[in-house]
Amino acid sequence: MSSCSIPVVNGVHPFDARGVAKRFRHAAIFGALQSLHQGETMRFGNDHDPLPLLAQLQQHFGDAIGIEYVRREPGEIVIDFKVLA
């Protein structure tokens, strides 16, 4: 497994997807996002760019979730998901 360090910043909740079994990942990510309050951020780390997941999140949450890449390199993806509404 590659080493992806997720920087921890005040008010940002880290979520390392590599530690979750693949068949449970999407459900775990949706559950984690639904538990956040407005203004909170989940910093998501993964070993690949989760483009299908991003499409699902945008379809489900719409403009209520902000999505911003922090790091986008082969084998090391870090994305901030911020609850906007």
N, C-alpha and C. Protein backbone atom coordinates (compact mmCIF):
# COMPACT_ATOMS: atom_id res chain seq x y z
N MET A 1 0.85 -1.17 0.00
CA MET A 1 0.00 0.00 0.00
C MET A 1 0.89 1.23 0.00
N SER A 2 0.55 2.21 -0.85
CA SER A 2 1.36 3.42 -0.90
C SER A 2 1.10 4.26 0.32
N SER A 3 1.99 5.18 0.58
CA SER A 3 1.87 6.03 1.77
C SER A 3 1.32 7.38 1.38
N CYS A 4 0.13 7.67 1.82
CA CYS A 4 -0.52 8.95 1.54
C CYS A 4 -0.70 9.65 2.88
N SER A 5 0.02 10.74 3.10
CA SER A 5 -0.15 11.42 4.37
C SER A 5 -1.20 12.51 4.20
N ILE A 6 -2.20 12.45 5.04
CA ILE A 6 -3.28 13.42 4.99
C ILE A 6 -3.00 14.46 6.05
N PRO A 7 -2.71 15.70 5.62
CA PRO A 7 -2.44 16.73 6.61
C PRO A 7 -3.67 16.97 7.49
N VAL A 8 -3.44 17.08 8.78
CA VAL A 8 -4.53 17.34 9.71
C VAL A 8 -4.50 18.82 10.08
N VAL A 9 -5.62 19.48 9.85
CA VAL A 9 -5.74 20.91 10.12
C VAL A 9 -6.95 21.09 11.03
N ASN A 10 -6.91 22.09 11.88
CA ASN A 10 -8.03 22.37 12.78
C ASN A 10 -9.35 22.43 12.02
N GLY A 11 -10.36 21.71 12.49
CA GLY A 11 -11.67 21.74 11.87
C GLY A 11 -11.81 20.85 10.65
N VAL A 12 -10.78 20.11 10.32
CA VAL A 12 -10.80 19.22 9.16
C VAL A 12 -10.71 17.79 9.67
N HIS A 13 -11.67 16.96 9.26
CA HIS A 13 -11.74 15.58 9.69
C HIS A 13 -11.14 14.67 8.63
N PRO A 14 -10.03 13.97 8.93
CA PRO A 14 -9.41 13.10 7.93
C PRO A 14 -10.20 11.81 7.72
N PHE A 15 -10.22 11.35 6.47
CA PHE A 15 -10.86 10.09 6.10
C PHE A 15 -9.94 9.41 5.09
N ASP A 16 -9.25 8.35 5.51
CA ASP A 16 -8.35 7.62 4.62
C ASP A 16 -9.11 6.43 4.05
N ALA A 17 -9.53 6.54 2.81
CA ALA A 17 -10.35 5.51 2.16
C ALA A 17 -9.59 4.20 1.99
N ARG A 18 -8.28 4.25 1.97
CA ARG A 18 -7.50 3.02 1.77
C ARG A 18 -7.69 2.04 2.91
N GLY A 19 -8.13 2.51 4.07
CA GLY A 19 -8.33 1.64 5.21
C GLY A 19 -9.71 1.01 5.28
N VAL A 20 -10.54 1.28 4.28
CA VAL A 20 -11.91 0.76 4.25
C VAL A 20 -12.02 -0.24 3.10
N ALA A 21 -12.61 -1.40 3.37
CA ALA A 21 -12.78 -2.41 2.32
C ALA A 21 -13.51 -1.81 1.13
N LYS A 22 -13.08 -2.14 -0.08
CA LYS A 22 -13.62 -1.52 -1.30
C LYS A 22 -15.13 -1.60 -1.38
N ARG A 23 -15.71 -2.71 -1.00
CA ARG A 23 -17.16 -2.85 -1.14
C ARG A 23 -17.94 -1.97 -0.17
N PHE A 24 -17.28 -1.44 0.86
CA PHE A 24 -17.94 -0.57 1.84
C PHE A 24 -17.59 0.91 1.67
N ARG A 25 -16.63 1.22 0.81
CA ARG A 25 -16.09 2.58 0.74
C ARG A 25 -17.14 3.65 0.46
N HIS A 26 -17.92 3.48 -0.59
CA HIS A 26 -18.86 4.54 -0.95
C HIS A 26 -19.87 4.78 0.16
N ALA A 27 -20.38 3.70 0.75
CA ALA A 27 -21.34 3.85 1.85
C ALA A 27 -20.69 4.56 3.04
N ALA A 28 -19.43 4.22 3.33
CA ALA A 28 -18.72 4.85 4.45
C ALA A 28 -18.50 6.34 4.18
N ILE A 29 -18.16 6.67 2.95
CA ILE A 29 -17.91 8.07 2.60
C ILE A 29 -19.21 8.88 2.68
N PHE A 30 -20.29 8.34 2.13
CA PHE A 30 -21.58 9.03 2.21
C PHE A 30 -21.99 9.22 3.67
N GLY A 31 -21.82 8.18 4.48
CA GLY A 31 -22.17 8.28 5.90
C GLY A 31 -21.34 9.32 6.62
N ALA A 32 -20.05 9.35 6.33
CA ALA A 32 -19.17 10.34 6.96
C ALA A 32 -19.58 11.76 6.56
N LEU A 33 -19.87 11.98 5.29
CA LEU A 33 -20.28 13.31 4.85
C LEU A 33 -21.61 13.73 5.46
N GLN A 34 -22.54 12.79 5.60
CA GLN A 34 -23.84 13.12 6.17
C GLN A 34 -23.75 13.43 7.66
N SER A 35 -22.66 13.01 8.30
CA SER A 35 -22.50 13.29 9.73
C SER A 35 -21.85 14.65 10.00
N LEU A 36 -21.34 15.29 8.95
CA LEU A 36 -20.71 16.60 9.13
C LEU A 36 -21.76 17.71 9.25
N HIS A 37 -21.36 18.76 9.96
CA HIS A 37 -22.22 19.94 10.08
C HIS A 37 -21.77 21.00 9.08
N GLN A 38 -22.65 21.95 8.84
CA GLN A 38 -22.34 23.03 7.91
C GLN A 38 -21.02 23.69 8.32
N GLY A 39 -20.16 23.89 7.33
CA GLY A 39 -18.86 24.53 7.56
C GLY A 39 -17.74 23.55 7.85
N GLU A 40 -18.06 22.29 8.18
CA GLU A 40 -17.02 21.29 8.46
C GLU A 40 -16.49 20.70 7.16
N THR A 41 -15.27 20.19 7.24
CA THR A 41 -14.60 19.62 6.07
C THR A 41 -14.11 18.22 6.38
N MET A 42 -14.26 17.34 5.42
CA MET A 42 -13.65 16.01 5.49
C MET A 42 -12.52 15.98 4.49
N ARG A 43 -11.32 15.69 4.97
CA ARG A 43 -10.15 15.57 4.08
C ARG A 43 -10.00 14.09 3.72
N PHE A 44 -10.24 13.79 2.47
CA PHE A 44 -10.32 12.44 1.94
C PHE A 44 -9.01 12.06 1.28
N GLY A 45 -8.44 10.92 1.66
CA GLY A 45 -7.22 10.42 1.03
C GLY A 45 -7.47 9.09 0.35
N ASN A 46 -6.87 8.92 -0.81
CA ASN A 46 -7.07 7.68 -1.57
C ASN A 46 -5.85 7.45 -2.46
N ASP A 47 -5.75 6.24 -3.01
CA ASP A 47 -4.62 5.93 -3.88
C ASP A 47 -4.95 6.13 -5.36
N HIS A 48 -6.21 6.47 -5.66
CA HIS A 48 -6.60 6.75 -7.05
C HIS A 48 -7.64 7.86 -7.08
N ASP A 49 -7.78 8.48 -8.22
CA ASP A 49 -8.74 9.58 -8.39
C ASP A 49 -10.15 8.99 -8.47
N PRO A 50 -11.03 9.31 -7.53
CA PRO A 50 -12.34 8.67 -7.45
C PRO A 50 -13.41 9.38 -8.29
N LEU A 51 -13.19 9.49 -9.58
CA LEU A 51 -14.11 10.24 -10.44
C LEU A 51 -15.55 9.74 -10.40
N PRO A 52 -15.81 8.41 -10.43
CA PRO A 52 -17.21 7.96 -10.31
C PRO A 52 -17.83 8.37 -8.96
N LEU A 53 -17.05 8.30 -7.89
CA LEU A 53 -17.55 8.73 -6.58
C LEU A 53 -17.89 10.22 -6.59
N LEU A 54 -17.04 11.03 -7.18
CA LEU A 54 -17.30 12.48 -7.23
C LEU A 54 -18.60 12.76 -7.96
N ALA A 55 -18.84 12.04 -9.05
CA ALA A 55 -20.09 12.22 -9.79
C ALA A 55 -21.29 11.83 -8.92
N GLN A 56 -21.17 10.73 -8.18
CA GLN A 56 -22.25 10.31 -7.29
C GLN A 56 -22.50 11.34 -6.19
N LEU A 57 -21.42 11.88 -5.63
CA LEU A 57 -21.57 12.88 -4.56
C LEU A 57 -22.25 14.13 -5.08
N GLN A 58 -21.86 14.58 -6.26
CA GLN A 58 -22.47 15.79 -6.81
C GLN A 58 -23.94 15.55 -7.13
N GLN A 59 -24.26 14.36 -7.62
CA GLN A 59 -25.66 14.05 -7.91
C GLN A 59 -26.49 14.01 -6.63
N HIS A 60 -25.92 13.45 -5.56
CA HIS A 60 -26.65 13.30 -4.31
C HIS A 60 -26.74 14.61 -3.50
N PHE A 61 -25.60 15.30 -3.36
CA PHE A 61 -25.53 16.48 -2.51
C PHE A 61 -25.69 17.79 -3.26
N GLY A 62 -25.46 17.80 -4.55
CA GLY A 62 -25.56 19.03 -5.34
C GLY A 62 -24.59 20.09 -4.83
N ASP A 63 -25.09 21.30 -4.68
CA ASP A 63 -24.25 22.43 -4.25
C ASP A 63 -24.03 22.47 -2.74
N ALA A 64 -24.55 21.49 -2.00
CA ALA A 64 -24.39 21.48 -0.55
C ALA A 64 -22.99 21.04 -0.12
N ILE A 65 -22.23 20.45 -1.06
CA ILE A 65 -20.87 19.97 -0.78
C ILE A 65 -19.89 20.63 -1.74
N GLY A 66 -18.85 21.24 -1.19
CA GLY A 66 -17.78 21.77 -2.01
C GLY A 66 -16.69 20.71 -2.16
N ILE A 67 -16.12 20.59 -3.34
CA ILE A 67 -15.09 19.59 -3.62
C ILE A 67 -13.85 20.32 -4.13
N GLU A 68 -12.73 20.13 -3.41
CA GLU A 68 -11.48 20.79 -3.81
C GLU A 68 -10.31 19.83 -3.65
N TYR A 69 -9.56 19.63 -4.73
CA TYR A 69 -8.36 18.80 -4.67
C TYR A 69 -7.28 19.53 -3.89
N VAL A 70 -6.68 18.85 -2.94
CA VAL A 70 -5.53 19.36 -2.20
C VAL A 70 -4.26 18.82 -2.84
N ARG A 71 -4.31 17.55 -3.25
CA ARG A 71 -3.19 16.89 -3.91
C ARG A 71 -3.77 15.94 -4.94
N ARG A 72 -3.23 15.97 -6.14
CA ARG A 72 -3.73 15.12 -7.23
C ARG A 72 -2.55 14.58 -8.03
N GLU A 73 -1.92 13.57 -7.45
CA GLU A 73 -0.76 12.94 -8.07
C GLU A 73 -1.02 11.46 -8.20
N PRO A 74 -0.40 10.78 -9.16
CA PRO A 74 -0.60 9.34 -9.29
C PRO A 74 -0.29 8.64 -7.97
N GLY A 75 -1.25 7.86 -7.49
CA GLY A 75 -1.06 7.12 -6.25
C GLY A 75 -1.30 7.91 -4.98
N GLU A 76 -1.58 9.20 -5.10
CA GLU A 76 -1.79 10.03 -3.91
C GLU A 76 -2.80 11.15 -4.22
N ILE A 77 -4.03 10.89 -3.81
CA ILE A 77 -5.12 11.84 -4.03
C ILE A 77 -5.61 12.32 -2.67
N VAL A 78 -5.72 13.63 -2.50
CA VAL A 78 -6.29 14.22 -1.29
C VAL A 78 -7.31 15.26 -1.74
N ILE A 79 -8.54 15.11 -1.24
CA ILE A 79 -9.64 15.99 -1.63
C ILE A 79 -10.33 16.50 -0.37
N ASP A 80 -10.60 17.79 -0.32
CA ASP A 80 -11.41 18.35 0.76
C ASP A 80 -12.87 18.41 0.32
N PHE A 81 -13.74 17.82 1.13
CA PHE A 81 -15.18 17.91 0.94
C PHE A 81 -15.70 18.81 2.04
N LYS A 82 -16.23 19.96 1.69
CA LYS A 82 -16.74 20.91 2.68
C LYS A 82 -18.25 21.01 2.58
N VAL A 83 -18.90 20.91 3.74
CA VAL A 83 -20.35 21.03 3.79
C VAL A 83 -20.68 22.53 3.74
N LEU A 84 -21.37 22.93 2.68
CA LEU A 84 -21.69 24.34 2.47
C LEU A 84 -23.08 24.71 2.96
N ALA A 85 -23.99 23.76 2.92
CA ALA A 85 -25.38 24.07 3.35
C ALA A 85 -25.95 22.95 4.18
